[in-house]
């Protein structure tokens, strides 16, 4: 006995339209994955170039951070430890803070420098003052873009000096007593020999050990594409099951 398939008009039209949308979204995510892979590759190549001088303050207003983020730079200046800011995060499951310290550049202007991770127990500045570097220093780091606050980010606690977003305007704006031009970006200080276990400083004044370059740019587009394709397959299954239940798919009913 021959199988039959007599599709219903409106379910077929609606399913077809939804299927086209789901497949289009899946293929679009695959294209986005290729674009993101190429972007990350360009950033990694940029991040491994020899360092160049940090752009002077007179150029900050016109900087294209899309082409500069993660670029290695050299600069010189003196840390202002009394005004450091603490960005809450975790490292290997351990809660703590990244220390962002203002640095007065010898070329003029100021920049926030992320000196790395400290555990919660080391948050008190007085406990670290004697180990903090003083005076002008020649430093190397990577330019990083100020982070915009998202809707689900917790509110910063200015009184406790706990920040949940590395937003440069917010952090520098909380230091009204400091006059002068601030860089619109921050710099990740390069690490070399520090030990997170005992929190020894490395020669640059960074707080944590050398680690592989971390690109803060997730690339989840393949999983997104698989989700859309999975929904498309599910939709086809529901469509066929509906027609079978209606007696319009399968052997004729006697």
Protein backbone atom coordinates (compact mmCIF):
# COMPACT_ATOMS: atom_id res chain seq x y z
CA UNK A 1 0.00 0.00 0.00
CA UNK A 2 1.49 3.34 -1.06
CA UNK A 3 2.19 6.04 1.50
CA UNK A 4 0.46 9.35 1.13
CA UNK A 5 1.32 12.91 1.94
CA UNK A 6 -1.37 15.55 1.58
CA UNK A 7 0.04 18.78 3.09
CA UNK A 8 -2.33 21.28 4.60
CA UNK A 9 -2.08 24.71 3.00
CA UNK A 10 -1.64 27.13 5.90
CA UNK A 11 0.54 24.92 8.11
CA UNK A 12 2.77 24.36 5.08
CA UNK A 13 3.00 28.06 4.27
CA UNK A 14 3.74 29.07 7.88
CA UNK A 15 6.24 26.25 8.38
CA UNK A 16 8.03 27.11 5.14
CA UNK A 17 8.35 30.75 6.11
CA UNK A 18 9.62 29.88 9.59
CA UNK A 19 12.06 27.34 8.14
CA UNK A 20 13.50 29.94 5.76
CA UNK A 21 14.02 32.34 8.67
CA UNK A 22 15.70 29.70 10.88
CA UNK A 23 18.03 28.54 8.11
CA UNK A 24 18.92 32.13 7.20
CA UNK A 25 19.79 32.86 10.83
CA UNK A 26 21.95 29.74 10.99
CA UNK A 27 23.92 30.60 7.85
CA UNK A 28 24.26 34.21 9.02
CA UNK A 29 25.84 32.97 12.26
CA UNK A 30 28.31 30.89 10.24
CA UNK A 31 29.27 34.02 8.30
CA UNK A 32 29.65 35.90 11.59
CA UNK A 33 31.92 33.12 12.86
CA UNK A 34 34.23 33.52 9.87
CA UNK A 35 34.26 37.29 10.40
CA UNK A 36 35.02 36.91 14.13
CA UNK A 37 37.80 34.38 13.44
CA UNK A 38 39.44 36.82 11.03
CA UNK A 39 39.06 39.70 13.51
CA UNK A 40 40.62 37.71 16.36
CA UNK A 41 43.48 36.65 14.07
CA UNK A 42 44.17 40.31 13.22
CA UNK A 43 44.13 41.24 16.92
CA UNK A 44 46.51 38.42 17.84
CA UNK A 45 48.87 39.49 15.05
CA UNK A 46 48.70 43.09 16.29
CA UNK A 47 49.25 42.05 19.90
CA UNK A 48 52.45 40.18 19.04
CA UNK A 49 54.13 43.06 17.21
CA UNK A 50 57.09 44.86 18.80
CA UNK A 51 55.87 47.63 21.14
CA UNK A 52 55.70 51.21 19.96
CA UNK A 53 55.47 54.45 21.94
CA UNK A 54 52.12 55.20 23.58
CA UNK A 55 50.31 57.88 21.53
CA UNK A 56 50.82 61.29 23.17
CA UNK A 57 47.97 63.12 24.86
CA UNK A 58 47.50 65.44 21.90
CA UNK A 59 46.41 62.48 19.74
CA UNK A 60 43.99 60.85 22.19
CA UNK A 61 40.85 62.59 20.97
CA UNK A 62 41.24 61.22 17.44
CA UNK A 63 42.45 57.69 18.19
CA UNK A 64 40.81 54.78 16.38
CA UNK A 65 40.74 52.20 19.16
CA UNK A 66 39.40 49.58 16.74
CA UNK A 67 42.86 49.49 15.17
CA UNK A 68 44.81 50.03 18.40
CA UNK A 69 43.27 47.73 21.00
CA UNK A 70 45.76 45.12 22.25
CA UNK A 71 48.64 46.92 20.52
CA UNK A 72 51.84 46.72 22.65
CA UNK A 73 53.11 50.12 23.79
CA UNK A 74 55.93 51.54 25.87
CA UNK A 75 55.47 54.53 28.16
CA UNK A 76 56.99 56.15 31.22
CA UNK A 77 55.49 57.75 34.28
CA UNK A 78 54.88 57.57 38.02
CA UNK A 79 52.07 55.64 39.70
CA UNK A 80 49.55 57.38 41.96
CA UNK A 81 48.82 54.48 44.30
CA UNK A 82 46.55 56.45 46.63
CA UNK A 83 43.94 56.65 43.86
CA UNK A 84 44.01 53.09 42.58
CA UNK A 85 40.69 51.55 41.60
CA UNK A 86 39.66 47.92 42.19
CA UNK A 87 37.76 45.97 39.53
CA UNK A 88 36.06 42.89 40.98
CA UNK A 89 36.67 39.61 39.15
CA UNK A 90 37.80 36.02 39.75
CA UNK A 91 40.96 34.13 38.87
CA UNK A 92 40.80 30.31 38.78
CA UNK A 93 37.68 30.46 40.93
CA UNK A 94 39.31 32.78 43.49
CA UNK A 95 37.56 36.14 44.03
CA UNK A 96 39.68 39.24 43.94
CA UNK A 97 40.38 42.49 42.14
CA UNK A 98 42.37 43.87 39.27
CA UNK A 99 44.28 46.94 40.46
CA UNK A 100 43.89 49.89 38.07
CA UNK A 101 46.35 52.58 39.10
CA UNK A 102 46.52 56.12 37.68
CA UNK A 103 49.87 56.89 36.09
CA UNK A 104 51.11 60.41 35.35
CA UNK A 105 52.95 60.21 32.05
CA UNK A 106 56.25 62.01 31.63
CA UNK A 107 54.93 63.13 28.22
CA UNK A 108 51.83 64.69 29.78
CA UNK A 109 48.40 63.44 30.71
CA UNK A 110 47.32 60.46 32.78
CA UNK A 111 46.35 56.88 32.00
CA UNK A 112 44.81 54.08 34.05
CA UNK A 113 47.11 51.05 34.20
CA UNK A 114 45.74 47.59 35.00
CA UNK A 115 48.52 46.04 37.06
CA UNK A 116 46.87 42.66 37.44
CA UNK A 117 45.03 40.49 39.95
CA UNK A 118 45.16 40.49 43.75
CA UNK A 119 43.10 38.25 46.07
CA UNK A 120 40.42 39.81 48.26
CA UNK A 121 42.76 39.53 51.26
CA UNK A 122 45.20 41.94 49.58
CA UNK A 123 42.67 44.64 48.73
CA UNK A 124 43.75 46.98 51.54
CA UNK A 125 46.18 49.45 49.99
CA UNK A 126 48.04 49.95 53.27
CA UNK A 127 49.05 46.28 53.22
CA UNK A 128 50.73 46.79 49.83
CA UNK A 129 52.12 50.33 50.01
CA UNK A 130 55.70 49.39 50.85
CA UNK A 131 55.80 46.98 47.90
CA UNK A 132 54.37 49.42 45.38
CA UNK A 133 56.85 50.99 42.96
CA UNK A 134 57.57 54.70 43.37
CA UNK A 135 59.00 57.31 41.06
CA UNK A 136 59.08 57.37 37.24
CA UNK A 137 59.29 53.97 35.58
CA UNK A 138 59.65 52.77 31.99
CA UNK A 139 56.77 50.37 31.32
CA UNK A 140 55.35 48.09 28.63
CA UNK A 141 51.72 47.09 28.20
CA UNK A 142 48.82 46.77 25.78
CA UNK A 143 46.17 49.37 24.97
CA UNK A 144 42.68 48.27 26.02
CA UNK A 145 39.34 49.85 25.24
CA UNK A 146 37.17 51.26 28.02
CA UNK A 147 34.35 48.80 28.76
CA UNK A 148 30.74 49.95 28.42
CA UNK A 149 28.29 49.06 31.17
CA UNK A 150 25.71 46.41 30.23
CA UNK A 151 22.19 46.16 31.55
CA UNK A 152 22.93 43.24 33.90
CA UNK A 153 26.15 44.67 35.38
CA UNK A 154 26.05 45.35 39.10
CA UNK A 155 26.31 48.94 40.32
CA UNK A 156 29.77 50.10 41.34
CA UNK A 157 30.38 50.72 45.04
CA UNK A 158 32.42 53.94 45.09
CA UNK A 159 32.63 54.10 48.87
CA UNK A 160 34.14 50.60 49.10
CA UNK A 161 36.17 51.14 45.89
CA UNK A 162 34.63 48.13 44.19
CA UNK A 163 34.03 48.42 40.46
CA UNK A 164 32.23 45.88 38.30
CA UNK A 165 33.05 47.42 34.92
CA UNK A 166 36.41 48.74 33.72
CA UNK A 167 34.79 51.91 32.45
CA UNK A 168 37.47 54.58 32.14
CA UNK A 169 35.21 57.67 32.24
CA UNK A 170 33.46 56.41 35.39
CA UNK A 171 36.71 55.53 37.16
CA UNK A 172 38.53 58.72 36.26
CA UNK A 173 35.42 60.80 36.91
CA UNK A 174 35.45 59.52 40.49
CA UNK A 175 38.76 61.37 41.02
CA UNK A 176 37.67 65.02 40.65
CA UNK A 177 40.65 66.28 42.66
CA UNK A 178 43.03 65.09 39.93
CA UNK A 179 43.25 67.72 37.22
CA UNK A 180 44.51 67.15 33.70
CA UNK A 181 43.79 65.10 30.61
CA UNK A 182 42.95 61.41 30.97
CA UNK A 183 43.53 58.81 28.25
CA UNK A 184 40.21 57.43 26.92
CA UNK A 185 41.60 53.88 27.26
CA UNK A 186 43.48 51.87 29.87
CA UNK A 187 46.67 49.85 29.54
CA UNK A 188 47.14 46.23 30.59
CA UNK A 189 50.59 46.11 32.15
CA UNK A 190 52.77 43.30 30.79
CA UNK A 191 53.65 40.68 33.40
CA UNK A 192 56.94 38.84 33.60
CA UNK A 193 58.15 37.23 36.82
CA UNK A 194 55.54 37.89 39.49
CA UNK A 195 54.17 35.02 41.55
CA UNK A 196 50.43 35.05 42.37
CA UNK A 197 51.12 32.74 45.31
CA UNK A 198 52.99 35.31 47.38
CA UNK A 199 52.03 38.45 45.44
CA UNK A 200 55.58 39.55 44.71
CA UNK A 201 55.84 42.42 42.27
CA UNK A 202 57.57 41.90 38.97
CA UNK A 203 60.04 44.57 37.73
CA UNK A 204 57.21 46.61 36.17
CA UNK A 205 55.07 46.65 39.29
CA UNK A 206 52.56 44.12 38.00
CA UNK A 207 50.81 41.87 40.47
CA UNK A 208 50.31 38.55 38.69
CA UNK A 209 52.40 36.13 36.66
CA UNK A 210 52.95 35.96 32.93
CA UNK A 211 49.90 34.50 31.20
CA UNK A 212 48.92 33.85 27.57
CA UNK A 213 47.27 36.74 25.76
CA UNK A 214 43.57 36.77 26.59
CA UNK A 215 41.33 38.22 23.88
CA UNK A 216 38.12 39.39 25.56
CA UNK A 217 36.09 38.64 22.45
CA UNK A 218 33.94 35.50 22.70
CA UNK A 219 33.27 33.62 19.49
CA UNK A 220 30.13 31.57 20.09
CA UNK A 221 28.69 31.89 16.60
CA UNK A 222 29.07 28.18 15.77
CA UNK A 223 26.94 27.19 18.75
CA UNK A 224 24.39 29.85 17.78
CA UNK A 225 24.29 28.45 14.23
CA UNK A 226 23.80 24.91 15.50
CA UNK A 227 20.96 26.16 17.70
CA UNK A 228 19.15 27.71 14.73
CA UNK A 229 19.71 24.60 12.58
CA UNK A 230 18.50 22.43 15.45
CA UNK A 231 15.32 24.48 15.70
CA UNK A 232 14.82 24.08 11.95
CA UNK A 233 15.08 20.29 12.25
CA UNK A 234 12.67 20.33 15.20
CA UNK A 235 10.22 22.43 13.21
CA UNK A 236 10.28 19.90 10.36
CA UNK A 237 9.69 17.10 12.85
CA UNK A 238 6.70 18.91 14.38
CA UNK A 239 5.30 19.62 10.91
CA UNK A 240 5.51 15.97 9.86
CA UNK A 241 4.15 14.71 13.18
CA UNK A 242 1.16 17.05 12.86
CA UNK A 243 0.37 15.77 9.38
CA UNK A 244 0.70 12.17 10.56
CA UNK A 245 -1.69 12.85 13.43
CA UNK A 246 -4.15 14.37 10.95
CA UNK A 247 -3.96 11.29 8.73
CA UNK A 248 -2.24 13.18 5.92
CA UNK A 249 1.11 11.41 6.15
CA UNK A 250 1.59 7.65 5.99
CA UNK A 251 -0.44 4.76 4.69
CA UNK A 252 -4.05 5.55 3.83
CA UNK A 253 -6.43 4.82 6.65
CA UNK A 254 -8.85 2.06 5.82
